[in-house]
PDB file of N, CA and C in Angstrom:
ATOM      1  N   MET A   1      -4.024  82.338  80.687  1.00  0.00           N
ATOM      2  CA  MET A   1      -2.971  81.466  81.130  1.00  0.00           C
ATOM      3  C   MET A   1      -2.300  80.851  79.897  1.00  0.00           C
ATOM      4  N   ARG A   2      -0.954  80.807  79.917  1.00  0.00           N
ATOM      5  CA  ARG A   2      -0.217  80.236  78.798  1.00  0.00           C
ATOM      6  C   ARG A   2      -0.151  78.719  78.922  1.00  0.00           C
ATOM      7  N   LYS A   3      -0.287  78.074  77.820  1.00  0.00           N
ATOM      8  CA  LYS A   3      -0.206  76.622  77.784  1.00  0.00           C
ATOM      9  C   LYS A   3       1.245  76.220  77.514  1.00  0.00           C
ATOM     10  N   LEU A   4       1.786  75.325  78.338  1.00  0.00           N
ATOM     11  CA  LEU A   4       3.142  74.843  78.131  1.00  0.00           C
ATOM     12  C   LEU A   4       3.140  73.769  77.058  1.00  0.00           C
ATOM     13  N   VAL A   5       4.093  73.865  76.152  1.00  0.00           N
ATOM     14  CA  VAL A   5       4.215  72.897  75.068  1.00  0.00           C
ATOM     15  C   VAL A   5       5.493  72.098  75.287  1.00  0.00           C
ATOM     16  N   ARG A   6       5.364  70.785  75.319  1.00  0.00           N
ATOM     17  CA  ARG A   6       6.538  69.928  75.455  1.00  0.00           C
ATOM     18  C   ARG A   6       7.173  69.750  74.089  1.00  0.00           C
ATOM     19  N   SER A   7       8.457  69.912  74.035  1.00  0.00           N
ATOM     20  CA  SER A   7       9.185  69.808  72.781  1.00  0.00           C
ATOM     21  C   SER A   7       9.778  68.410  72.630  1.00  0.00           C
ATOM     22  N   THR A   8       9.763  67.912  71.421  1.00  0.00           N
ATOM     23  CA  THR A   8      10.369  66.624  71.100  1.00  0.00           C
ATOM     24  C   THR A   8      11.280  66.825  69.906  1.00  0.00           C
ATOM     25  N   ARG A   9      12.460  66.235  69.954  1.00  0.00           N
ATOM     26  CA  ARG A   9      13.414  66.327  68.861  1.00  0.00           C
ATOM     27  C   ARG A   9      13.268  65.125  67.949  1.00  0.00           C
ATOM     28  N   HIS A  10      13.372  65.380  66.643  1.00  0.00           N
ATOM     29  CA  HIS A  10      13.256  64.340  65.623  1.00  0.00           C
ATOM     30  C   HIS A  10      14.499  64.339  64.748  1.00  0.00           C
ATOM     31  N   ALA A  11      14.829  63.192  64.187  1.00  0.00           N
ATOM     32  CA  ALA A  11      15.881  63.103  63.182  1.00  0.00           C
ATOM     33  C   ALA A  11      15.286  63.558  61.855  1.00  0.00           C
ATOM     34  N   GLY A  12      16.131  64.000  60.956  1.00  0.00           N
ATOM     35  CA  GLY A  12      15.657  64.442  59.640  1.00  0.00           C
ATOM     36  C   GLY A  12      14.879  63.345  58.939  1.00  0.00           C
ATOM     37  N   GLY A  13      13.754  63.686  58.364  1.00  0.00           N
ATOM     38  CA  GLY A  13      12.935  62.723  57.638  1.00  0.00           C
ATOM     39  C   GLY A  13      11.997  61.899  58.503  1.00  0.00           C
ATOM     40  N   CYS A  14      11.899  62.192  59.794  1.00  0.00           N
ATOM     41  CA  CYS A  14      11.005  61.430  60.670  1.00  0.00           C
ATOM     42  C   CYS A  14       9.550  61.660  60.270  1.00  0.00           C
ATOM     43  N   HIS A  15       8.796  60.584  60.145  1.00  0.00           N
ATOM     44  CA  HIS A  15       7.387  60.691  59.760  1.00  0.00           C
ATOM     45  C   HIS A  15       6.511  61.276  60.874  1.00  0.00           C
ATOM     46  N   MET A  16       7.037  61.345  62.094  1.00  0.00           N
ATOM     47  CA  MET A  16       6.270  61.872  63.219  1.00  0.00           C
ATOM     48  C   MET A  16       6.464  63.388  63.416  1.00  0.00           C
ATOM     49  N   ALA A  17       7.429  63.974  62.733  1.00  0.00           N
ATOM     50  CA  ALA A  17       7.676  65.412  62.864  1.00  0.00           C
ATOM     51  C   ALA A  17       6.499  66.177  62.260  1.00  0.00           C
ATOM     52  N   GLY A  18       6.072  67.211  62.940  1.00  0.00           N
ATOM     53  CA  GLY A  18       4.933  67.994  62.462  1.00  0.00           C
ATOM     54  C   GLY A  18       5.309  68.948  61.344  1.00  0.00           C
ATOM     55  N   LYS A  19       4.312  69.597  60.802  1.00  0.00           N
ATOM     56  CA  LYS A  19       4.515  70.537  59.701  1.00  0.00           C
ATOM     57  C   LYS A  19       5.280  71.779  60.131  1.00  0.00           C
ATOM     58  N   ARG A  20       5.243  72.097  61.432  1.00  0.00           N
ATOM     59  CA  ARG A  20       5.917  73.297  61.921  1.00  0.00           C
ATOM     60  C   ARG A  20       7.355  73.016  62.359  1.00  0.00           C
ATOM     61  N   SER A  21       7.848  71.816  62.125  1.00  0.00           N
ATOM     62  CA  SER A  21       9.213  71.460  62.507  1.00  0.00           C
ATOM     63  C   SER A  21      10.217  72.180  61.624  1.00  0.00           C
ATOM     64  N   ARG A  22      11.378  72.460  62.213  1.00  0.00           N
ATOM     65  CA  ARG A  22      12.455  73.060  61.442  1.00  0.00           C
ATOM     66  C   ARG A  22      13.759  72.413  61.862  1.00  0.00           C
ATOM     67  N   GLY A  23      14.725  72.408  60.970  1.00  0.00           N
ATOM     68  CA  GLY A  23      16.016  71.804  61.255  1.00  0.00           C
ATOM     69  C   GLY A  23      16.870  72.677  62.157  1.00  0.00           C
ATOM     70  N   VAL A  24      17.793  72.055  62.861  1.00  0.00           N
ATOM     71  CA  VAL A  24      18.759  72.767  63.690  1.00  0.00           C
ATOM     72  C   VAL A  24      20.144  72.200  63.402  1.00  0.00           C
ATOM     73  N   GLU A  25      21.163  72.945  63.788  1.00  0.00           N
ATOM     74  CA  GLU A  25      22.538  72.490  63.625  1.00  0.00           C
ATOM     75  C   GLU A  25      22.811  71.320  64.569  1.00  0.00           C
ATOM     76  N   ARG A  26      23.805  70.505  64.222  1.00  0.00           N
ATOM     77  CA  ARG A  26      24.151  69.326  65.018  1.00  0.00           C
ATOM     78  C   ARG A  26      24.460  69.692  66.470  1.00  0.00           C
ATOM     79  N   ASP A  27      25.225  70.762  66.707  1.00  0.00           N
ATOM     80  CA  ASP A  27      25.572  71.128  68.079  1.00  0.00           C
ATOM     81  C   ASP A  27      24.349  71.549  68.887  1.00  0.00           C
ATOM     82  N   GLN A  28      23.370  72.196  68.234  1.00  0.00           N
ATOM     83  CA  GLN A  28      22.127  72.565  68.919  1.00  0.00           C
ATOM     84  C   GLN A  28      21.334  71.311  69.283  1.00  0.00           C
ATOM     85  N   ALA A  29      21.295  70.350  68.384  1.00  0.00           N
ATOM     86  CA  ALA A  29      20.571  69.104  68.643  1.00  0.00           C
ATOM     87  C   ALA A  29      21.230  68.327  69.782  1.00  0.00           C
ATOM     88  N   LEU A  30      22.558  68.249  69.783  1.00  0.00           N
ATOM     89  CA  LEU A  30      23.270  67.562  70.867  1.00  0.00           C
ATOM     90  C   LEU A  30      22.994  68.229  72.204  1.00  0.00           C
ATOM     91  N   ARG A  31      23.042  69.554  72.231  1.00  0.00           N
ATOM     92  CA  ARG A  31      22.791  70.289  73.468  1.00  0.00           C
ATOM     93  C   ARG A  31      21.382  70.008  73.984  1.00  0.00           C
ATOM     94  N   ALA A  32      20.400  70.034  73.085  1.00  0.00           N
ATOM     95  CA  ALA A  32      19.013  69.798  73.492  1.00  0.00           C
ATOM     96  C   ALA A  32      18.828  68.409  74.082  1.00  0.00           C
ATOM     97  N   VAL A  33      19.398  67.409  73.435  1.00  0.00           N
ATOM     98  CA  VAL A  33      19.250  66.030  73.908  1.00  0.00           C
ATOM     99  C   VAL A  33      19.947  65.848  75.256  1.00  0.00           C
ATOM    100  N   THR A  34      21.144  66.413  75.420  1.00  0.00           N
ATOM    101  CA  THR A  34      21.860  66.251  76.685  1.00  0.00           C
ATOM    102  C   THR A  34      21.242  67.068  77.812  1.00  0.00           C
ATOM    103  N   GLU A  35      20.458  68.107  77.472  1.00  0.00           N
ATOM    104  CA  GLU A  35      19.779  68.906  78.494  1.00  0.00           C
ATOM    105  C   GLU A  35      18.411  68.345  78.858  1.00  0.00           C
ATOM    106  N   GLY A  36      18.045  67.211  78.286  1.00  0.00           N
ATOM    107  CA  GLY A  36      16.821  66.549  78.695  1.00  0.00           C
ATOM    108  C   GLY A  36      15.605  66.760  77.810  1.00  0.00           C
ATOM    109  N   VAL A  37      15.763  67.393  76.648  1.00  0.00           N
ATOM    110  CA  VAL A  37      14.631  67.530  75.729  1.00  0.00           C
ATOM    111  C   VAL A  37      14.277  66.137  75.225  1.00  0.00           C
ATOM    112  N   ASN A  38      13.012  65.837  75.164  1.00  0.00           N
ATOM    113  CA  ASN A  38      12.554  64.504  74.763  1.00  0.00           C
ATOM    114  C   ASN A  38      13.005  64.162  73.346  1.00  0.00           C
ATOM    115  N   ALA A  39      13.501  62.934  73.180  1.00  0.00           N
ATOM    116  CA  ALA A  39      13.862  62.426  71.858  1.00  0.00           C
ATOM    117  C   ALA A  39      12.704  61.576  71.346  1.00  0.00           C
ATOM    118  N   CYS A  40      12.388  61.719  70.080  1.00  0.00           N
ATOM    119  CA  CYS A  40      11.300  60.953  69.471  1.00  0.00           C
ATOM    120  C   CYS A  40      11.602  59.454  69.582  1.00  0.00           C
ATOM    121  N   PRO A  41      10.647  58.663  70.097  1.00  0.00           N
ATOM    122  CA  PRO A  41      10.875  57.225  70.224  1.00  0.00           C
ATOM    123  C   PRO A  41      10.822  56.488  68.888  1.00  0.00           C
ATOM    124  N   HIS A  42      10.388  57.147  67.831  1.00  0.00           N
ATOM    125  CA  HIS A  42      10.297  56.512  66.517  1.00  0.00           C
ATOM    126  C   HIS A  42      11.609  56.619  65.742  1.00  0.00           C
ATOM    127  N   CYS A  43      12.197  57.823  65.707  1.00  0.00           N
ATOM    128  CA  CYS A  43      13.404  58.025  64.901  1.00  0.00           C
ATOM    129  C   CYS A  43      14.686  58.048  65.732  1.00  0.00           C
ATOM    130  N   ARG A  44      14.583  58.172  67.065  1.00  0.00           N
ATOM    131  CA  ARG A  44      15.706  58.120  67.996  1.00  0.00           C
ATOM    132  C   ARG A  44      16.880  59.025  67.589  1.00  0.00           C
ATOM    133  N   PRO A  45      16.668  60.346  67.555  1.00  0.00           N
ATOM    134  CA  PRO A  45      17.759  61.244  67.180  1.00  0.00           C
ATOM    135  C   PRO A  45      18.929  61.190  68.149  1.00  0.00           C
ATOM    136  N   ASP A  46      18.693  60.837  69.412  1.00  0.00           N
ATOM    137  CA  ASP A  46      19.790  60.722  70.372  1.00  0.00           C
ATOM    138  C   ASP A  46      20.753  59.608  69.956  1.00  0.00           C
ATOM    139  N   THR A  47      20.222  58.501  69.471  1.00  0.00           N
ATOM    140  CA  THR A  47      21.051  57.404  68.992  1.00  0.00           C
ATOM    141  C   THR A  47      21.793  57.816  67.724  1.00  0.00           C
ATOM    142  N   GLU A  48      21.099  58.495  66.840  1.00  0.00           N
ATOM    143  CA  GLU A  48      21.706  58.943  65.589  1.00  0.00           C
ATOM    144  C   GLU A  48      22.844  59.935  65.834  1.00  0.00           C
ATOM    145  N   LEU A  49      22.717  60.712  66.905  1.00  0.00           N
ATOM    146  CA  LEU A  49      23.759  61.685  67.268  1.00  0.00           C
ATOM    147  C   LEU A  49      24.892  61.051  68.072  1.00  0.00           C
ATOM    148  N   GLY A  50      24.725  59.798  68.466  1.00  0.00           N
ATOM    149  CA  GLY A  50      25.761  59.104  69.219  1.00  0.00           C
ATOM    150  C   GLY A  50      25.711  59.354  70.709  1.00  0.00           C
ATOM    151  N   VAL A  51      24.570  59.817  71.224  1.00  0.00           N
ATOM    152  CA  VAL A  51      24.414  60.065  72.658  1.00  0.00           C
ATOM    153  C   VAL A  51      23.947  58.771  73.310  1.00  0.00           C
ATOM    154  N   LEU A  52      24.695  58.319  74.313  1.00  0.00           N
ATOM    155  CA  LEU A  52      24.339  57.085  75.003  1.00  0.00           C
ATOM    156  C   LEU A  52      23.773  57.433  76.376  1.00  0.00           C
ATOM    157  N   ASP A  53      22.816  56.643  76.835  1.00  0.00           N
ATOM    158  CA  ASP A  53      22.232  56.853  78.173  1.00  0.00           C
ATOM    159  C   ASP A  53      23.205  56.471  79.257  1.00  0.00           C
TER     160      ASP A  53
END
C-alpha cells in the first residue's frame, strides 16, 4: 500500500523546509497555494505571494 504524503509549501530560506525541498517558479507556487496546498505556518508563503484568504 502506498503512503500518502501531505505537501507543504515554504518560502525561500524557511528553517522548516526539509533537505529534499526544491524551489519552484512564482506562478507554480501561486497555483499550488490557490489550489489548497498547505502553506507553512512559520514562513507563510501565501502571505509573501500576496494571496489573501
